[in-house]
Amino acid sequence: MTEKIYGKEEWESALKGLSRSYSLYVPVKEGDIHFFREFKDGVKTAFDFDNTRMSAKEIVYPQTERMFDYNIDAGREDSNVLKESEKDFPPQAIVGIRPCDAHAFVLVKRNFDTPEFQDPWWIKRYESTTLVGLGCNAPSATCFCTSAGGGPYNEQGLDVMLYDLGDRYLAKGLTEKGEAFLSKAEGGSAVTEADLDEAGRLARESEAKITRKVPTDRLKEKKQRELFDAPFWDEVAFGCINCGTCTFLCPTCWCFDIQDEVQGKEGVRMRNWDSCMFPLFTLHGSGHNPRDEKYQRVRQRFMHKLKYYVDKYEDGIQCTGCGRCVRYCPANIDIRRVCELMNNY
């Protein structure tokens, strides 16, 4: 297992060298908000952040993706024939991803890569991506990753872990992809026992800072129908405006819609992110909508993450505790409170 120490300026130089082998995505500050952006000339990295507003899922699972091209020209032999759109899957790396967002890829993989069905584009893009994590030294008040099977320095799903030791980073390779990444990173010095002790101390102190514990231990034993018909859904959904912010920002939401766009005689079939919070999400061609009431859509979101997923996979909840939906919900709907209501019902 490769372990290296990089001064922070030295790490920036290493990234410039790595950009010759990978398409790098790094945290960048725009206004008061951090986003992942491609590392190019003129891009200033900002690793001193709580978390990006958008998770890194869009780098593997684009918000809009071209699937097939076709034409409707009756005079052509290939009229009305779907042809896979040209795609490229170059080696890429997401540098500075928080452990909660890396953990999300492990959960989402269960939807896109199953024994029965594989999404070839998601799989190829995921397999070509190296996840370089940055542990959390100062978790936010809305974080609850320790209750969702993770932690501020959780290594699940990561290829490399970075420890911020103040004026330097400790980089630790975790997988073959991570080892390959660090082998191409120029510079770095040997790690000392003092460095490892400091990294371990940071990890322990960070985990102790997450004081909110969200109970999930009884979700599995609950009967689906009883939770479905529980009396608290109207209250939970009261303030919801169905804006979809929670699903848009969530690193483990995977719903999509497929649409055809035609101009003249040329057409393209596209996949776009969708949200169970939108009234049109379940609208049938007949005009019937099985979730035409707001509370039904709110119930679906939480039942899926905290009950249906639990029953199907029997391995935790479909949430990594990143806290984005808690921070940015305009109606202050808190998934931690909903989880308590469901767990204790």
Protein backbone atom coordinates (compact mmCIF):
# COMPACT_ATOMS: atom_id res chain seq x y z
CA MET A 1 0.00 0.00 0.00
CA THR A 2 1.48 3.31 -1.14
CA GLU A 3 1.64 6.14 1.40
CA LYS A 4 3.10 9.55 0.56
CA ILE A 5 3.34 12.98 2.14
CA TYR A 6 2.79 16.04 -0.06
CA GLY A 7 3.17 19.68 0.87
CA LYS A 8 0.07 21.52 -0.31
CA GLU A 9 1.91 23.43 -3.04
CA GLU A 10 3.65 20.22 -4.01
CA TRP A 11 0.23 18.52 -4.30
CA GLU A 12 -0.92 21.22 -6.73
CA SER A 13 2.16 20.51 -8.86
CA ALA A 14 1.43 16.78 -8.70
CA LEU A 15 -2.09 17.43 -9.96
CA LYS A 16 -0.74 19.31 -12.97
CA GLY A 17 1.38 16.30 -13.83
CA LEU A 18 -1.54 13.91 -13.29
CA SER A 19 -3.70 15.95 -15.66
CA ARG A 20 -1.59 14.55 -18.49
CA SER A 21 -2.90 11.05 -17.70
CA TYR A 22 -6.38 11.77 -16.32
CA SER A 23 -9.25 14.17 -16.77
CA LEU A 24 -9.18 15.59 -13.25
CA TYR A 25 -12.18 17.05 -11.41
CA VAL A 26 -11.41 19.17 -8.35
CA PRO A 27 -13.41 21.33 -5.91
CA VAL A 28 -13.62 24.94 -7.06
CA LYS A 29 -15.23 27.87 -5.24
CA GLU A 30 -17.72 29.92 -7.24
CA GLY A 31 -19.14 32.74 -5.16
CA ASP A 32 -19.94 31.16 -1.80
CA ILE A 33 -20.50 27.68 -3.23
CA HIS A 34 -18.15 24.82 -4.10
CA PHE A 35 -18.55 22.66 -7.20
CA PHE A 36 -16.46 20.01 -8.92
CA ARG A 37 -14.92 21.38 -12.11
CA GLU A 38 -12.43 19.99 -14.59
CA PHE A 39 -8.86 20.88 -13.67
CA LYS A 40 -7.51 23.04 -16.49
CA ASP A 41 -5.20 26.01 -16.85
CA GLY A 42 -6.53 28.88 -14.78
CA VAL A 43 -8.67 26.70 -12.50
CA LYS A 44 -7.98 27.42 -8.84
CA THR A 45 -8.57 24.48 -6.54
CA ALA A 46 -10.31 25.00 -3.19
CA PHE A 47 -9.80 22.00 -0.94
CA ASP A 48 -10.72 23.97 2.21
CA PHE A 49 -14.46 23.32 1.92
CA ASP A 50 -17.23 21.59 3.88
CA ASN A 51 -18.70 19.86 0.84
CA THR A 52 -19.72 20.70 -2.69
CA ARG A 53 -23.34 21.72 -3.14
CA MET A 54 -23.76 19.20 -5.96
CA SER A 55 -22.37 15.74 -5.36
CA ALA A 56 -19.92 14.21 -7.79
CA LYS A 57 -22.52 11.78 -9.16
CA GLU A 58 -22.98 13.85 -12.35
CA ILE A 59 -19.39 13.10 -13.39
CA VAL A 60 -20.26 9.40 -13.65
CA TYR A 61 -24.00 9.79 -14.27
CA PRO A 62 -24.55 12.98 -16.33
CA GLN A 63 -27.63 15.06 -15.74
CA THR A 64 -28.39 14.79 -19.46
CA GLU A 65 -26.98 11.98 -21.59
CA ARG A 66 -27.35 11.33 -25.30
CA MET A 67 -28.24 7.66 -25.78
CA PHE A 68 -29.18 7.04 -29.43
CA ASP A 69 -29.33 8.96 -32.71
CA TYR A 70 -31.80 8.26 -35.50
CA ASN A 71 -33.48 9.82 -38.52
CA ILE A 72 -37.00 9.71 -39.90
CA ASP A 73 -36.08 10.24 -43.52
CA ALA A 74 -38.05 7.63 -45.43
CA GLY A 75 -35.60 7.93 -48.34
CA ARG A 76 -32.69 6.54 -46.29
CA GLU A 77 -32.00 2.86 -45.69
CA ASP A 78 -31.36 3.45 -42.00
CA SER A 79 -34.58 5.38 -41.47
CA ASN A 80 -36.02 4.87 -37.96
CA VAL A 81 -32.99 2.83 -36.88
CA LEU A 82 -31.58 3.68 -33.45
CA LYS A 83 -27.79 4.00 -33.45
CA GLU A 84 -25.84 4.30 -30.22
CA SER A 85 -24.48 7.82 -29.81
CA GLU A 86 -20.71 8.14 -29.87
CA LYS A 87 -19.23 8.08 -26.37
CA ASP A 88 -15.79 8.30 -24.86
CA PHE A 89 -14.70 6.95 -21.49
CA PRO A 90 -11.23 8.37 -20.84
CA PRO A 91 -9.46 7.79 -17.52
CA GLN A 92 -10.69 10.38 -15.05
CA ALA A 93 -10.27 11.12 -11.37
CA ILE A 94 -12.41 13.01 -8.87
CA VAL A 95 -9.94 14.55 -6.44
CA GLY A 96 -11.23 15.75 -3.08
CA ILE A 97 -14.49 13.82 -3.02
CA ARG A 98 -15.85 13.44 0.50
CA PRO A 99 -16.22 9.89 1.87
CA CYS A 100 -20.02 10.20 2.03
CA ASP A 101 -20.17 10.90 -1.72
CA ALA A 102 -17.80 8.03 -2.53
CA HIS A 103 -19.95 5.74 -0.38
CA ALA A 104 -22.94 6.83 -2.50
CA PHE A 105 -21.43 5.23 -5.61
CA VAL A 106 -21.37 1.89 -3.79
CA LEU A 107 -25.11 2.20 -3.11
CA VAL A 108 -25.99 3.46 -6.59
CA LYS A 109 -24.01 0.64 -8.21
CA ARG A 110 -26.72 -1.74 -7.00
CA ASN A 111 -29.11 -0.08 -9.43
CA PHE A 112 -26.88 0.26 -12.50
CA ASP A 113 -24.84 -2.95 -12.25
CA THR A 114 -26.87 -5.98 -11.22
CA PRO A 115 -26.64 -9.67 -12.17
CA GLU A 116 -29.75 -9.24 -14.33
CA PHE A 117 -29.27 -5.76 -15.79
CA GLN A 118 -26.22 -3.65 -16.54
CA ASP A 119 -26.17 -0.04 -17.65
CA PRO A 120 -23.09 -0.13 -19.93
CA TRP A 121 -22.50 3.62 -19.96
CA TRP A 122 -22.69 4.04 -16.18
CA ILE A 123 -20.45 1.00 -15.66
CA LYS A 124 -17.80 2.11 -18.18
CA ARG A 125 -17.70 5.63 -16.80
CA TYR A 126 -17.54 4.36 -13.21
CA GLU A 127 -14.80 1.87 -14.01
CA SER A 128 -12.73 4.57 -15.72
CA THR A 129 -13.02 6.85 -12.66
CA THR A 130 -10.57 6.99 -9.76
CA LEU A 131 -12.04 8.38 -6.54
CA VAL A 132 -9.52 10.34 -4.48
CA GLY A 133 -11.18 11.07 -1.16
CA LEU A 134 -10.55 13.93 1.23
CA GLY A 135 -11.42 13.09 4.81
CA CYS A 136 -13.56 15.52 6.83
CA ASN A 137 -11.76 17.24 9.69
CA ALA A 138 -14.74 19.48 10.48
CA PRO A 139 -18.09 17.76 9.70
CA SER A 140 -21.11 20.04 9.35
CA ALA A 141 -23.91 20.15 11.91
CA THR A 142 -26.21 18.48 9.37
CA CYS A 143 -23.88 15.52 8.74
CA PHE A 144 -24.92 12.11 10.04
CA CYS A 145 -22.72 9.75 8.03
CA THR A 146 -21.86 7.66 11.10
CA SER A 147 -25.53 6.65 11.35
CA ALA A 148 -25.64 5.70 7.65
CA GLY A 149 -22.82 3.17 7.57
CA GLY A 150 -20.00 5.63 6.93
CA GLY A 151 -17.82 8.15 8.67
CA PRO A 152 -15.64 11.24 8.07
CA TYR A 153 -12.78 8.98 7.03
CA ASN A 154 -14.76 6.03 5.70
CA GLU A 155 -12.75 4.30 2.94
CA GLN A 156 -15.66 2.45 1.33
CA GLY A 157 -15.75 3.16 -2.39
CA LEU A 158 -12.51 5.16 -2.42
CA ASP A 159 -9.31 4.44 -4.32
CA VAL A 160 -7.14 6.96 -2.46
CA MET A 161 -7.65 8.70 0.88
CA LEU A 162 -6.19 12.12 1.61
CA TYR A 163 -5.63 13.29 5.20
CA ASP A 164 -5.32 17.06 5.62
CA LEU A 165 -2.52 17.46 8.15
CA GLY A 166 -2.55 21.27 8.04
CA ASP A 167 0.34 22.23 5.78
CA ARG A 168 0.53 18.89 3.99
CA TYR A 169 -1.50 15.92 2.81
CA LEU A 170 -1.01 12.26 3.61
CA ALA A 171 -2.09 10.25 0.56
CA LYS A 172 -2.88 6.57 1.06
CA GLY A 173 -3.57 4.17 -1.80
CA LEU A 174 -6.48 1.79 -1.15
CA THR A 175 -7.06 -0.07 -4.43
CA GLU A 176 -5.21 -0.97 -7.62
CA LYS A 177 -6.66 2.11 -9.29
CA GLY A 178 -5.48 4.19 -6.37
CA GLU A 179 -2.00 2.71 -6.49
CA ALA A 180 -1.80 3.46 -10.22
CA PHE A 181 -2.92 7.04 -9.58
CA LEU A 182 -0.30 7.65 -6.90
CA SER A 183 2.42 6.02 -9.00
CA LYS A 184 1.85 8.76 -11.59
CA ALA A 185 1.82 11.54 -8.98
CA GLU A 186 5.20 13.26 -9.06
CA GLY A 187 7.01 14.17 -5.87
CA GLY A 188 5.99 13.20 -2.39
CA SER A 189 8.08 11.99 0.52
CA ALA A 190 8.08 9.04 2.88
CA VAL A 191 5.47 8.84 5.61
CA THR A 192 6.68 8.75 9.22
CA GLU A 193 5.09 7.15 12.26
CA ALA A 194 4.31 10.65 13.54
CA ASP A 195 2.38 11.36 10.33
CA LEU A 196 0.35 8.16 10.71
CA ASP A 197 -0.36 8.93 14.37
CA GLU A 198 -1.58 12.42 13.45
CA ALA A 199 -3.80 11.01 10.69
CA GLY A 200 -5.31 8.49 13.08
CA ARG A 201 -5.96 11.19 15.67
CA LEU A 202 -7.70 13.39 13.09
CA ALA A 203 -9.97 10.52 12.04
CA ARG A 204 -10.98 9.74 15.64
CA GLU A 205 -11.59 13.38 16.54
CA SER A 206 -13.63 13.98 13.38
CA GLU A 207 -15.92 11.04 14.08
CA ALA A 208 -16.45 12.26 17.63
CA LYS A 209 -17.66 15.62 16.28
CA ILE A 210 -20.72 13.99 14.69
CA THR A 211 -23.03 13.96 17.69
CA ARG A 212 -26.41 13.48 15.99
CA LYS A 213 -27.34 9.80 15.99
CA VAL A 214 -30.14 8.76 13.64
CA PRO A 215 -31.81 5.44 14.57
CA THR A 216 -32.13 2.91 11.75
CA ASP A 217 -31.97 -0.35 13.71
CA ARG A 218 -35.71 -1.17 13.57
CA LEU A 219 -36.51 -0.20 9.98
CA LYS A 220 -36.07 -3.76 8.71
CA GLU A 221 -38.60 -5.24 11.15
CA LYS A 222 -41.35 -2.79 10.22
CA LYS A 223 -44.15 -3.96 7.96
CA GLN A 224 -44.18 -2.01 4.70
CA ARG A 225 -47.94 -1.58 4.64
CA GLU A 226 -48.06 -0.25 8.19
CA LEU A 227 -45.40 2.38 7.45
CA PHE A 228 -47.11 3.18 4.15
CA ASP A 229 -50.37 3.90 5.99
CA ALA A 230 -48.76 5.66 8.97
CA PRO A 231 -50.57 8.82 10.12
CA PHE A 232 -47.55 11.13 10.05
CA TRP A 233 -47.12 11.55 6.27
CA ASP A 234 -49.50 14.50 5.99
CA GLU A 235 -47.54 16.35 8.67
CA VAL A 236 -44.16 15.49 7.12
CA ALA A 237 -45.29 16.69 3.69
CA PHE A 238 -47.17 19.79 4.87
CA GLY A 239 -44.51 22.35 3.92
CA CYS A 240 -43.17 20.56 0.83
CA ILE A 241 -43.38 22.54 -2.41
CA ASN A 242 -42.30 19.63 -4.66
CA CYS A 243 -39.29 21.61 -5.90
CA GLY A 244 -37.12 18.49 -6.21
CA THR A 245 -34.10 20.11 -4.53
CA CYS A 246 -33.64 17.07 -2.27
CA THR A 247 -33.50 14.58 -5.13
CA PHE A 248 -31.40 16.84 -7.37
CA LEU A 249 -28.69 17.26 -4.72
CA CYS A 250 -28.86 13.72 -3.32
CA PRO A 251 -25.85 11.57 -4.27
CA THR A 252 -27.93 8.36 -4.11
CA CYS A 253 -30.97 9.40 -6.18
CA TRP A 254 -30.88 7.67 -9.55
CA CYS A 255 -34.30 8.19 -11.20
CA PHE A 256 -34.31 9.22 -14.84
CA ASP A 257 -36.66 9.86 -17.75
CA ILE A 258 -36.07 9.05 -21.42
CA GLN A 259 -37.24 11.49 -24.08
CA ASP A 260 -36.95 11.88 -27.84
CA GLU A 261 -36.02 15.24 -29.35
CA VAL A 262 -36.53 15.73 -33.08
CA GLN A 263 -35.49 18.60 -35.33
CA GLY A 264 -36.38 18.25 -38.96
CA LYS A 265 -35.67 14.64 -39.82
CA GLU A 266 -32.92 14.12 -37.24
CA GLY A 267 -33.70 12.74 -33.80
CA VAL A 268 -31.92 11.93 -30.56
CA ARG A 269 -33.03 9.82 -27.62
CA MET A 270 -31.85 11.31 -24.33
CA ARG A 271 -31.75 10.30 -20.69
CA ASN A 272 -32.37 13.05 -18.14
CA TRP A 273 -32.44 13.06 -14.37
CA ASP A 274 -35.97 12.95 -13.02
CA SER A 275 -37.50 13.22 -9.56
CA CYS A 276 -40.19 11.29 -7.70
CA MET A 277 -41.15 14.66 -6.18
CA PHE A 278 -42.53 15.96 -9.48
CA PRO A 279 -46.27 15.49 -10.21
CA LEU A 280 -45.50 14.36 -13.79
CA PHE A 281 -43.14 11.60 -12.63
CA THR A 282 -45.91 8.99 -12.34
CA LEU A 283 -48.43 10.45 -14.77
CA HIS A 284 -49.77 7.67 -17.00
CA GLY A 285 -50.56 8.07 -20.68
CA SER A 286 -54.21 7.54 -19.77
CA GLY A 287 -54.14 10.67 -17.63
CA HIS A 288 -54.29 8.72 -14.35
CA ASN A 289 -51.67 9.59 -11.74
CA PRO A 290 -51.25 7.11 -8.84
CA ARG A 291 -49.37 9.80 -6.86
CA ASP A 292 -51.36 12.91 -7.58
CA GLU A 293 -51.24 14.09 -3.96
CA LYS A 294 -48.18 15.82 -2.52
CA TYR A 295 -47.97 13.61 0.57
CA GLN A 296 -47.85 10.52 -1.65
CA ARG A 297 -44.76 11.81 -3.43
CA VAL A 298 -43.02 12.76 -0.17
CA ARG A 299 -43.89 9.35 1.26
CA GLN A 300 -42.42 7.63 -1.81
CA ARG A 301 -39.08 9.38 -1.40
CA PHE A 302 -38.64 8.37 2.22
CA MET A 303 -40.14 4.90 1.87
CA HIS A 304 -37.77 4.16 -0.99
CA LYS A 305 -34.66 5.28 0.85
CA LEU A 306 -35.54 4.03 4.31
CA LYS A 307 -37.74 0.98 3.76
CA TYR A 308 -37.93 -0.46 0.24
CA TYR A 309 -34.14 -0.30 -0.16
CA VAL A 310 -33.64 -1.75 3.32
CA ASP A 311 -35.93 -4.70 2.58
CA LYS A 312 -34.45 -5.41 -0.86
CA TYR A 313 -30.74 -5.27 -0.05
CA GLU A 314 -30.70 -5.85 3.72
CA ASP A 315 -27.56 -3.75 3.96
CA GLY A 316 -28.16 -0.28 5.35
CA ILE A 317 -30.27 2.58 4.04
CA GLN A 318 -30.16 4.36 0.69
CA CYS A 319 -28.58 7.42 2.26
CA THR A 320 -25.00 8.32 3.17
CA GLY A 321 -25.77 11.06 5.67
CA CYS A 322 -24.23 13.89 3.63
CA GLY A 323 -26.93 16.26 4.94
CA ARG A 324 -27.49 18.17 1.68
CA CYS A 325 -31.25 17.68 1.71
CA VAL A 326 -31.34 18.92 5.32
CA ARG A 327 -29.33 22.06 4.54
CA TYR A 328 -31.03 23.09 1.33
CA CYS A 329 -34.70 22.09 1.70
CA PRO A 330 -36.66 25.39 1.52
CA ALA A 331 -39.38 23.90 3.74
CA ASN A 332 -36.97 22.52 6.40
CA ILE A 333 -38.01 18.89 5.93
CA ASP A 334 -35.39 16.86 7.78
CA ILE A 335 -34.71 13.26 6.73
CA ARG A 336 -33.25 12.59 10.19
CA ARG A 337 -36.58 13.36 11.84
CA VAL A 338 -38.47 11.27 9.28
CA CYS A 339 -36.12 8.36 9.90
CA GLU A 340 -36.84 8.61 13.63
CA LEU A 341 -40.59 8.64 12.97
CA MET A 342 -40.36 5.55 10.80
CA ASN A 343 -37.89 3.69 13.02
CA ASN A 344 -39.93 4.31 16.19
CA TYR A 345 -43.41 3.92 14.74
